[in-house]
């Protein structure tokens, strides 16, 4: 079944930033925030002004469409960086600190360095030294954020599909770590893996279950 996207993201926010004098405008988005297993993944993408591929929030695209869009983004983007923050870091420091850490690591690697950030959501978690504009539903409104959403989603899905080969009983290839019934049943039956976020799964374990 083909997913039909009725409304694509636009470059309006990027154009407004350029009118203010900014040149290297990046979109940032995350995936995996609510998963019980696997990393939280943050993507950053800088698109050129002449990028014309229609983009949308990764959640509105089918897996095949995401992969197809990712190929086009890789070929046309000025810069792409993806950062996975491991479950152990999430458990120790929490989600907000994990997202901030991801952006910090990305900024140490990205070239060219952006001078303006379009960030999905209401709150700025980046601790960046450059201007940040938060956009509610930004992955549906900004092409740069949509691109980051797609790249982060594809990268995280690929990682979880690889982990499914190591832990076949959990079905990571279908739910990529989210708390669907099949995943919860496997968690109760087999216990947690090294991928599971201990602070997230306690309530899903049988009474008296031990999380180590």
Foldseek 3Di string as FASTA:
>chain_A
DFQDDPAFADAVVVVVVVVVPFDFEKEKDWPDQQFQFFFIKMKIFTFDPPDDDTFAQQVRGDPVVLVVVLVSRVVGTPKMDMDTQALVCCLVPNDLVSVQVRLVVCQVPIPPRGQEYEYEDDDDSNPDPHHYDYDHSCCGHHPNNRNRNSVRVNVLLVVQCVVCVVVVQQPCNVVVRHDDPSNLVSCQVPNDDSGGNQVNCPVSYPVVDDHD
